[in-house]
Each structure stands twice: as structure tokens, then as C-alpha cells.
Amino acid sequence: MENYTTTFGNSAADAAPQERASFIRKTYLHLAAAILAFIGLEFYLFNSGIADMIAETMFGFSWFIVLALFMGVAFLANWWANSSTSKPMQYMGLGLYIVAEAIIFVPLLYIAANFSGGGINTIIKAGIVSLGLLAGLTAVVFITKKDFSFLGPILTIGGFVALGFIAASLLFGFSLGGLFAFIMVGFAATAILYSTSNVLHQYHPTQHVAASLSLFASIALMFWYILTIFNSSDD
């Protein structure tokens, strides 16, 4: 049984080495569990036929509304996951976010599985590349121990710009093209650097659930745009 004494508000960087190591281990175990839960949920949705219904419904629905709903759910999930008073609420937030990601990914995975030249292999390749980049970027942060918190304002501005382009494409019906997907992969890589740096320098040792959600969100964004690129190249 681990017995640590901490004061809420202190970051893991200021914690005792054993406590810091425990926080990092828990964060990445939760991240691994989130990725496996996402994969398991998608496997269930596609093998049960529910994914076909979700895809058909979402293809006929306004993606502007879908994106707005997803952002609302993501905000709520992050708020719950960052709760400082309720551990069950933290897990509810992480679970809600995983479900939301699984649902919004259904149409893209449906296209990859049924209409790309590589089929299911396209999804597997995109997943391997995404995890490989995650491992490489994580290694950069842990080896250099550099604080990338300065990327926060850049990501905020870049996120609003990206949302503006996405909203404009949905409203006016134009394609963002492959260049935008490559730019967004770079944006997601930057987000992974930022989130990983926060694991070392910003989060409190009790916030492993929130930290894992932040990392999961970044890797999901990267996977989305890498899969988009692979779908285009396999046409």
C-alpha cells in the first residue's frame, strides 16, 4: 500500500521521486487502458452492426452539429476528469470521452474499412504510425526533461484557427485537402509534447486520470488525421 503525503496544488515535479514515479506509471497505465477501451468499443460497434447504423445516421447529419456536440461533451468530460474532490467523477469523465471519441470515429473507420484500397490494413497502419509517433515524442520529453508549457498559447491559437477552417469547410462545402491533414498531424504532435510535458511538470500527483485523458485526446487527434491521409493515399 502506497502511503504518500502531498498537498493538493503541488505538481508532480515537486513531489518525492517515489510519488512522481507512481503518478507517471498510473498515468500511462490509464492511457493504455483508454486506448484498449477505445479499440474494444470500436470492435464491438462494428461486429454488432451498430457502427453501420451510426455511420449512416452521421453521414446524413450536419457535421457542424456533430462537431459542436462533440466539443460540448469533451468539455464536460475534461471538467469531470479534473475534479479535485471526486474520484468517481474523474473516471466518469475519462469514460465519457472514450465513448464520445469512439462514436465520432465510426464514420472515418467505416470509410477506411469499406472504401479505402487497404481496407482494415489502412486502420492498422494508421494505428501503428500513431503509436510510434507517440512513443518517439514521449521519449523526447522524458529524455530531455524540457518543459514545453510554452506551447500552450500556441496550441490554443492554432486550435481556434483549425476550428475556423473546419467550420468554414462544413458551412461552405469545400475540402480542406491533404495539406491540412498533414498540418493537423503536426498540431497533434505538438499537443502530445505539451501534454507529456505537463505530466512531468504541471499535473498534481493525484491527477493521473486527467493527465491520461489529455494524452488520449492528443493521440486520438493524431490518429484521426493520419488515418485521413492513409485513406486518401489508398484510394
C-alpha atoms as a PDB file:
ATOM      1  CA  MET A   1       0.000   0.000   0.000  1.00  0.00           C
ATOM      2  CA  GLU A   2       1.488   3.304  -1.101  1.00  0.00           C
ATOM      3  CA  ASN A   3       1.476   5.962   1.599  1.00  0.00           C
ATOM      4  CA  TYR A   4       2.362   9.448   0.416  1.00  0.00           C
ATOM      5  CA  THR A   5       1.844  12.853   1.955  1.00  0.00           C
ATOM      6  CA  THR A   6       1.108  15.630  -0.508  1.00  0.00           C
ATOM      7  CA  THR A   7      -0.649  18.962  -0.617  1.00  0.00           C
ATOM      8  CA  PHE A   8      -3.096  19.463  -3.453  1.00  0.00           C
ATOM      9  CA  GLY A   9      -1.800  22.089  -5.850  1.00  0.00           C
ATOM     10  CA  ASN A  10       1.802  20.919  -5.928  1.00  0.00           C
ATOM     11  CA  SER A  11       2.945  19.463  -9.236  1.00  0.00           C
ATOM     12  CA  ALA A  12       4.419  16.022  -9.716  1.00  0.00           C
ATOM     13  CA  ALA A  13       7.738  17.740 -10.472  1.00  0.00           C
ATOM     14  CA  ASP A  14       7.867  18.885  -6.823  1.00  0.00           C
ATOM     15  CA  ALA A  15       6.804  15.524  -5.394  1.00  0.00           C
ATOM     16  CA  ALA A  16       9.042  12.880  -3.881  1.00  0.00           C
ATOM     17  CA  PRO A  17      10.687  10.639  -6.511  1.00  0.00           C
ATOM     18  CA  GLN A  18       8.630   7.608  -5.498  1.00  0.00           C
ATOM     19  CA  GLU A  19       5.379   9.540  -5.659  1.00  0.00           C
ATOM     20  CA  ARG A  20       6.311  11.093  -9.003  1.00  0.00           C
ATOM     21  CA  ALA A  21       7.165   7.679 -10.442  1.00  0.00           C
ATOM     22  CA  SER A  22       3.845   6.305  -9.191  1.00  0.00           C
ATOM     23  CA  PHE A  23       1.943   9.169 -10.820  1.00  0.00           C
ATOM     24  CA  ILE A  24       3.685   8.669 -14.169  1.00  0.00           C
ATOM     25  CA  ARG A  25       3.083   4.912 -14.043  1.00  0.00           C
ATOM     26  CA  LYS A  26      -0.615   5.385 -13.247  1.00  0.00           C
ATOM     27  CA  THR A  27      -0.986   7.995 -15.992  1.00  0.00           C
ATOM     28  CA  TYR A  28       0.377   5.740 -18.717  1.00  0.00           C
ATOM     29  CA  LEU A  29      -1.471   2.680 -17.426  1.00  0.00           C
ATOM     30  CA  HIS A  30      -4.683   4.685 -17.669  1.00  0.00           C
ATOM     31  CA  LEU A  31      -3.698   5.878 -21.139  1.00  0.00           C
ATOM     32  CA  ALA A  32      -3.101   2.278 -22.242  1.00  0.00           C
ATOM     33  CA  ALA A  33      -6.457   1.278 -20.730  1.00  0.00           C
ATOM     34  CA  ALA A  34      -8.181   4.156 -22.552  1.00  0.00           C
ATOM     35  CA  ILE A  35      -6.668   3.109 -25.904  1.00  0.00           C
ATOM     36  CA  LEU A  36      -7.644  -0.530 -25.328  1.00  0.00           C
ATOM     37  CA  ALA A  37     -11.161   0.511 -24.284  1.00  0.00           C
ATOM     38  CA  PHE A  38     -11.463   2.607 -27.458  1.00  0.00           C
ATOM     39  CA  ILE A  39     -10.324  -0.332 -29.614  1.00  0.00           C
ATOM     40  CA  GLY A  40     -12.646  -2.722 -27.783  1.00  0.00           C
ATOM     41  CA  LEU A  41     -15.615  -0.391 -28.157  1.00  0.00           C
ATOM     42  CA  GLU A  42     -14.985   0.072 -31.885  1.00  0.00           C
ATOM     43  CA  PHE A  43     -14.625  -3.713 -32.294  1.00  0.00           C
ATOM     44  CA  TYR A  44     -17.981  -4.201 -30.583  1.00  0.00           C
ATOM     45  CA  LEU A  45     -19.721  -1.478 -32.600  1.00  0.00           C
ATOM     46  CA  PHE A  46     -18.515  -2.843 -35.937  1.00  0.00           C
ATOM     47  CA  ASN A  47     -19.062  -6.518 -35.165  1.00  0.00           C
ATOM     48  CA  SER A  48     -22.553  -5.919 -33.777  1.00  0.00           C
ATOM     49  CA  GLY A  49     -23.644  -3.870 -36.796  1.00  0.00           C
ATOM     50  CA  ILE A  50     -24.296  -0.811 -34.638  1.00  0.00           C
ATOM     51  CA  ALA A  51     -21.466   1.028 -36.385  1.00  0.00           C
ATOM     52  CA  ASP A  52     -23.305   0.745 -39.725  1.00  0.00           C
ATOM     53  CA  MET A  53     -26.334   2.462 -38.219  1.00  0.00           C
ATOM     54  CA  ILE A  54     -24.221   5.144 -36.573  1.00  0.00           C
ATOM     55  CA  ALA A  55     -22.290   5.791 -39.797  1.00  0.00           C
ATOM     56  CA  GLU A  56     -25.439   6.025 -41.920  1.00  0.00           C
ATOM     57  CA  THR A  57     -27.027   8.398 -39.404  1.00  0.00           C
ATOM     58  CA  MET A  58     -23.959  10.624 -39.150  1.00  0.00           C
ATOM     59  CA  PHE A  59     -23.442  10.709 -42.928  1.00  0.00           C
ATOM     60  CA  GLY A  60     -26.930  12.158 -43.243  1.00  0.00           C
ATOM     61  CA  PHE A  61     -26.463  14.601 -40.385  1.00  0.00           C
ATOM     62  CA  SER A  62     -24.806  18.007 -40.288  1.00  0.00           C
ATOM     63  CA  TRP A  63     -21.188  17.543 -39.273  1.00  0.00           C
ATOM     64  CA  PHE A  64     -21.193  21.083 -37.979  1.00  0.00           C
ATOM     65  CA  ILE A  65     -23.706  19.991 -35.332  1.00  0.00           C
ATOM     66  CA  VAL A  66     -21.797  16.733 -34.700  1.00  0.00           C
ATOM     67  CA  LEU A  67     -18.589  18.682 -34.088  1.00  0.00           C
ATOM     68  CA  ALA A  68     -20.361  21.129 -31.778  1.00  0.00           C
ATOM     69  CA  LEU A  69     -21.889  18.269 -29.773  1.00  0.00           C
ATOM     70  CA  PHE A  70     -18.537  16.512 -29.530  1.00  0.00           C
ATOM     71  CA  MET A  71     -16.832  19.666 -28.279  1.00  0.00           C
ATOM     72  CA  GLY A  72     -19.546  20.093 -25.646  1.00  0.00           C
ATOM     73  CA  VAL A  73     -19.171  16.503 -24.461  1.00  0.00           C
ATOM     74  CA  ALA A  74     -15.361  16.831 -24.479  1.00  0.00           C
ATOM     75  CA  PHE A  75     -15.564  19.963 -22.337  1.00  0.00           C
ATOM     76  CA  LEU A  76     -17.806  18.173 -19.824  1.00  0.00           C
ATOM     77  CA  ALA A  77     -15.550  15.094 -19.800  1.00  0.00           C
ATOM     78  CA  ASN A  78     -12.461  17.225 -19.119  1.00  0.00           C
ATOM     79  CA  TRP A  79     -14.253  19.090 -16.363  1.00  0.00           C
ATOM     80  CA  TRP A  80     -15.230  15.839 -14.662  1.00  0.00           C
ATOM     81  CA  ALA A  81     -11.766  14.307 -15.136  1.00  0.00           C
ATOM     82  CA  ASN A  82     -10.160  17.344 -13.470  1.00  0.00           C
ATOM     83  CA  SER A  83     -12.380  17.134 -10.397  1.00  0.00           C
ATOM     84  CA  SER A  84     -10.304  17.580  -7.245  1.00  0.00           C
ATOM     85  CA  THR A  85     -12.964  16.158  -4.927  1.00  0.00           C
ATOM     86  CA  SER A  86     -14.497  13.104  -6.622  1.00  0.00           C
ATOM     87  CA  LYS A  87     -12.506  10.155  -7.959  1.00  0.00           C
ATOM     88  CA  PRO A  88     -15.639   8.501  -9.494  1.00  0.00           C
ATOM     89  CA  MET A  89     -16.344  11.735 -11.390  1.00  0.00           C
ATOM     90  CA  GLN A  90     -12.790  11.679 -12.767  1.00  0.00           C
ATOM     91  CA  TYR A  91     -13.356   8.200 -14.165  1.00  0.00           C
ATOM     92  CA  MET A  92     -16.783   9.186 -15.486  1.00  0.00           C
ATOM     93  CA  GLY A  93     -15.074  11.969 -17.410  1.00  0.00           C
ATOM     94  CA  LEU A  94     -12.485   9.644 -18.912  1.00  0.00           C
ATOM     95  CA  GLY A  95     -15.137   7.064 -19.777  1.00  0.00           C
ATOM     96  CA  LEU A  96     -17.408   9.666 -21.353  1.00  0.00           C
ATOM     97  CA  TYR A  97     -14.566  10.962 -23.503  1.00  0.00           C
ATOM     98  CA  ILE A  98     -13.641   7.474 -24.710  1.00  0.00           C
ATOM     99  CA  VAL A  99     -17.256   6.805 -25.726  1.00  0.00           C
ATOM    100  CA  ALA A 100     -17.504  10.172 -27.496  1.00  0.00           C
ATOM    101  CA  GLU A 101     -14.291   9.511 -29.431  1.00  0.00           C
ATOM    102  CA  ALA A 102     -15.457   6.014 -30.355  1.00  0.00           C
ATOM    103  CA  ILE A 103     -18.718   7.358 -31.782  1.00  0.00           C
ATOM    104  CA  ILE A 104     -17.234  10.252 -33.745  1.00  0.00           C
ATOM    105  CA  PHE A 105     -14.589   7.925 -35.208  1.00  0.00           C
ATOM    106  CA  VAL A 106     -17.170   5.477 -36.593  1.00  0.00           C
ATOM    107  CA  PRO A 107     -17.724   7.198 -39.978  1.00  0.00           C
ATOM    108  CA  LEU A 108     -13.982   7.592 -40.625  1.00  0.00           C
ATOM    109  CA  LEU A 109     -13.274   3.970 -39.675  1.00  0.00           C
ATOM    110  CA  TYR A 110     -16.264   2.858 -41.770  1.00  0.00           C
ATOM    111  CA  ILE A 111     -14.835   4.623 -44.823  1.00  0.00           C
ATOM    112  CA  ALA A 112     -11.374   3.172 -44.167  1.00  0.00           C
ATOM    113  CA  ALA A 113     -12.683  -0.375 -43.763  1.00  0.00           C
ATOM    114  CA  ASN A 114     -15.076  -0.349 -46.720  1.00  0.00           C
ATOM    115  CA  PHE A 115     -13.887   2.178 -49.277  1.00  0.00           C
ATOM    116  CA  SER A 116     -10.113   2.618 -48.961  1.00  0.00           C
ATOM    117  CA  GLY A 117      -7.885   0.377 -51.038  1.00  0.00           C
ATOM    118  CA  GLY A 118      -6.206  -1.096 -47.967  1.00  0.00           C
ATOM    119  CA  GLY A 119      -9.355  -1.893 -46.010  1.00  0.00           C
ATOM    120  CA  ILE A 120      -8.716  -2.881 -42.408  1.00  0.00           C
ATOM    121  CA  ASN A 121      -4.963  -2.751 -43.065  1.00  0.00           C
ATOM    122  CA  THR A 122      -5.275   1.002 -43.545  1.00  0.00           C
ATOM    123  CA  ILE A 123      -6.610   1.330 -39.998  1.00  0.00           C
ATOM    124  CA  ILE A 124      -3.876  -0.924 -38.607  1.00  0.00           C
ATOM    125  CA  LYS A 125      -1.132   1.036 -40.392  1.00  0.00           C
ATOM    126  CA  ALA A 126      -2.508   4.355 -39.155  1.00  0.00           C
ATOM    127  CA  GLY A 127      -2.664   2.992 -35.619  1.00  0.00           C
ATOM    128  CA  ILE A 128       0.921   1.718 -35.719  1.00  0.00           C
ATOM    129  CA  VAL A 129       2.235   5.024 -37.072  1.00  0.00           C
ATOM    130  CA  SER A 130       0.271   6.974 -34.431  1.00  0.00           C
ATOM    131  CA  LEU A 131       1.582   4.833 -31.570  1.00  0.00           C
ATOM    132  CA  GLY A 132       5.108   5.025 -32.982  1.00  0.00           C
ATOM    133  CA  LEU A 133       4.973   8.810 -33.066  1.00  0.00           C
ATOM    134  CA  LEU A 134       3.533   8.852 -29.544  1.00  0.00           C
ATOM    135  CA  ALA A 135       6.445   6.721 -28.317  1.00  0.00           C
ATOM    136  CA  GLY A 136       9.007   8.932 -30.055  1.00  0.00           C
ATOM    137  CA  LEU A 137       7.537  12.198 -28.792  1.00  0.00           C
ATOM    138  CA  THR A 138       7.198  10.794 -25.278  1.00  0.00           C
ATOM    139  CA  ALA A 139      10.848   9.751 -25.346  1.00  0.00           C
ATOM    140  CA  VAL A 140      11.885  13.278 -26.378  1.00  0.00           C
ATOM    141  CA  VAL A 141      10.152  14.786 -23.346  1.00  0.00           C
ATOM    142  CA  PHE A 142      11.354  12.186 -20.853  1.00  0.00           C
ATOM    143  CA  ILE A 143      14.949  12.217 -22.095  1.00  0.00           C
ATOM    144  CA  THR A 144      15.319  15.993 -22.358  1.00  0.00           C
ATOM    145  CA  LYS A 145      13.017  16.728 -19.366  1.00  0.00           C
ATOM    146  CA  LYS A 146      12.269  20.029 -21.118  1.00  0.00           C
ATOM    147  CA  ASP A 147       9.198  21.976 -20.028  1.00  0.00           C
ATOM    148  CA  PHE A 148       7.028  22.524 -23.117  1.00  0.00           C
ATOM    149  CA  SER A 149       4.359  24.524 -21.285  1.00  0.00           C
ATOM    150  CA  PHE A 150       5.182  27.486 -23.533  1.00  0.00           C
ATOM    151  CA  LEU A 151       3.346  25.594 -26.296  1.00  0.00           C
ATOM    152  CA  GLY A 152       0.014  26.138 -24.509  1.00  0.00           C
ATOM    153  CA  PRO A 153      -0.837  29.545 -26.030  1.00  0.00           C
ATOM    154  CA  ILE A 154       0.380  28.369 -29.463  1.00  0.00           C
ATOM    155  CA  LEU A 155      -1.928  25.341 -29.297  1.00  0.00           C
ATOM    156  CA  THR A 156      -4.837  27.499 -28.175  1.00  0.00           C
ATOM    157  CA  ILE A 157      -4.445  29.904 -31.088  1.00  0.00           C
ATOM    158  CA  GLY A 158      -3.752  27.076 -33.530  1.00  0.00           C
ATOM    159  CA  GLY A 159      -6.791  25.189 -32.273  1.00  0.00           C
ATOM    160  CA  PHE A 160      -9.096  28.142 -32.903  1.00  0.00           C
ATOM    161  CA  VAL A 161      -7.618  28.654 -36.379  1.00  0.00           C
ATOM    162  CA  ALA A 162      -8.075  24.948 -37.191  1.00  0.00           C
ATOM    163  CA  LEU A 163     -11.654  25.026 -35.911  1.00  0.00           C
ATOM    164  CA  GLY A 164     -12.291  28.073 -38.068  1.00  0.00           C
ATOM    165  CA  PHE A 165     -11.114  26.254 -41.194  1.00  0.00           C
ATOM    166  CA  ILE A 166     -13.103  23.141 -40.287  1.00  0.00           C
ATOM    167  CA  ALA A 167     -16.258  25.160 -39.613  1.00  0.00           C
ATOM    168  CA  ALA A 168     -15.837  27.074 -42.888  1.00  0.00           C
ATOM    169  CA  SER A 169     -15.397  23.824 -44.837  1.00  0.00           C
ATOM    170  CA  LEU A 170     -18.582  22.405 -43.283  1.00  0.00           C
ATOM    171  CA  LEU A 171     -20.584  25.568 -43.878  1.00  0.00           C
ATOM    172  CA  PHE A 172     -19.425  26.238 -47.423  1.00  0.00           C
ATOM    173  CA  GLY A 173     -18.817  22.671 -48.564  1.00  0.00           C
ATOM    174  CA  PHE A 174     -15.171  22.805 -49.647  1.00  0.00           C
ATOM    175  CA  SER A 175     -12.499  20.189 -48.975  1.00  0.00           C
ATOM    176  CA  LEU A 176      -9.601  21.045 -46.672  1.00  0.00           C
ATOM    177  CA  GLY A 177      -7.302  18.716 -48.630  1.00  0.00           C
ATOM    178  CA  GLY A 178      -4.280  16.638 -47.721  1.00  0.00           C
ATOM    179  CA  LEU A 179      -2.102  19.601 -46.731  1.00  0.00           C
ATOM    180  CA  PHE A 180      -4.480  20.461 -43.894  1.00  0.00           C
ATOM    181  CA  ALA A 181      -4.320  16.844 -42.661  1.00  0.00           C
ATOM    182  CA  PHE A 182      -0.512  16.953 -42.577  1.00  0.00           C
ATOM    183  CA  ILE A 183      -0.616  20.274 -40.713  1.00  0.00           C
ATOM    184  CA  MET A 184      -3.027  18.772 -38.187  1.00  0.00           C
ATOM    185  CA  VAL A 185      -0.723  15.799 -37.635  1.00  0.00           C
ATOM    186  CA  GLY A 186       1.953  18.345 -36.733  1.00  0.00           C
ATOM    187  CA  PHE A 187      -0.539  20.120 -34.478  1.00  0.00           C
ATOM    188  CA  ALA A 188      -1.379  16.827 -32.740  1.00  0.00           C
ATOM    189  CA  ALA A 189       2.331  16.043 -32.316  1.00  0.00           C
ATOM    190  CA  THR A 190       2.766  19.436 -30.652  1.00  0.00           C
ATOM    191  CA  ALA A 191      -0.207  18.665 -28.396  1.00  0.00           C
ATOM    192  CA  ILE A 192       1.422  15.366 -27.376  1.00  0.00           C
ATOM    193  CA  LEU A 193       4.645  17.188 -26.487  1.00  0.00           C
ATOM    194  CA  TYR A 194       2.657  19.691 -24.444  1.00  0.00           C
ATOM    195  CA  SER A 195       0.536  17.058 -22.660  1.00  0.00           C
ATOM    196  CA  THR A 196       3.545  14.835 -21.934  1.00  0.00           C
ATOM    197  CA  SER A 197       5.482  17.811 -20.582  1.00  0.00           C
ATOM    198  CA  ASN A 198       2.539  18.613 -18.320  1.00  0.00           C
ATOM    199  CA  VAL A 199       2.715  15.076 -16.932  1.00  0.00           C
ATOM    200  CA  LEU A 200       6.249  15.837 -15.741  1.00  0.00           C
ATOM    201  CA  HIS A 201       5.895  19.482 -14.790  1.00  0.00           C
ATOM    202  CA  GLN A 202       2.296  20.607 -14.253  1.00  0.00           C
ATOM    203  CA  TYR A 203      -0.121  17.943 -13.030  1.00  0.00           C
ATOM    204  CA  HIS A 204      -0.604  17.172  -9.346  1.00  0.00           C
ATOM    205  CA  PRO A 205       0.294  13.566  -8.414  1.00  0.00           C
ATOM    206  CA  THR A 206      -3.411  12.760  -7.877  1.00  0.00           C
ATOM    207  CA  GLN A 207      -4.422  13.904 -11.381  1.00  0.00           C
ATOM    208  CA  HIS A 208      -3.392  10.794 -13.318  1.00  0.00           C
ATOM    209  CA  VAL A 209      -6.907  10.392 -14.760  1.00  0.00           C
ATOM    210  CA  ALA A 210      -6.964  13.944 -16.153  1.00  0.00           C
ATOM    211  CA  ALA A 211      -3.405  13.551 -17.451  1.00  0.00           C
ATOM    212  CA  SER A 212      -4.275  10.314 -19.248  1.00  0.00           C
ATOM    213  CA  LEU A 213      -7.357  11.944 -20.810  1.00  0.00           C
ATOM    214  CA  SER A 214      -5.228  14.806 -22.137  1.00  0.00           C
ATOM    215  CA  LEU A 215      -2.763  12.358 -23.692  1.00  0.00           C
ATOM    216  CA  PHE A 216      -5.565  10.209 -25.100  1.00  0.00           C
ATOM    217  CA  ALA A 217      -7.188  13.248 -26.712  1.00  0.00           C
ATOM    218  CA  SER A 218      -3.913  14.186 -28.398  1.00  0.00           C
ATOM    219  CA  ILE A 219      -3.208  10.678 -29.731  1.00  0.00           C
ATOM    220  CA  ALA A 220      -6.824  10.382 -30.939  1.00  0.00           C
ATOM    221  CA  LEU A 221      -6.434  13.643 -32.879  1.00  0.00           C
ATOM    222  CA  MET A 222      -3.200  12.366 -34.426  1.00  0.00           C
ATOM    223  CA  PHE A 223      -4.775   9.014 -35.330  1.00  0.00           C
ATOM    224  CA  TRP A 224      -7.724  10.797 -36.973  1.00  0.00           C
ATOM    225  CA  TYR A 225      -5.560  12.793 -39.376  1.00  0.00           C
ATOM    226  CA  ILE A 226      -3.042  10.027 -40.067  1.00  0.00           C
ATOM    227  CA  LEU A 227      -5.969   7.758 -40.947  1.00  0.00           C
ATOM    228  CA  THR A 228      -7.385  10.539 -43.139  1.00  0.00           C
ATOM    229  CA  ILE A 229      -4.059  10.735 -45.005  1.00  0.00           C
ATOM    230  CA  PHE A 230      -3.896   6.962 -45.402  1.00  0.00           C
ATOM    231  CA  ASN A 231      -7.496   6.842 -46.643  1.00  0.00           C
ATOM    232  CA  SER A 232      -6.624   9.368 -49.347  1.00  0.00           C
ATOM    233  CA  SER A 233      -3.439   7.594 -50.395  1.00  0.00           C
ATOM    234  CA  ASP A 234      -5.191   4.213 -50.615  1.00  0.00           C
ATOM    235  CA  ASP A 235      -7.984   5.448 -52.900  1.00  0.00           C
END
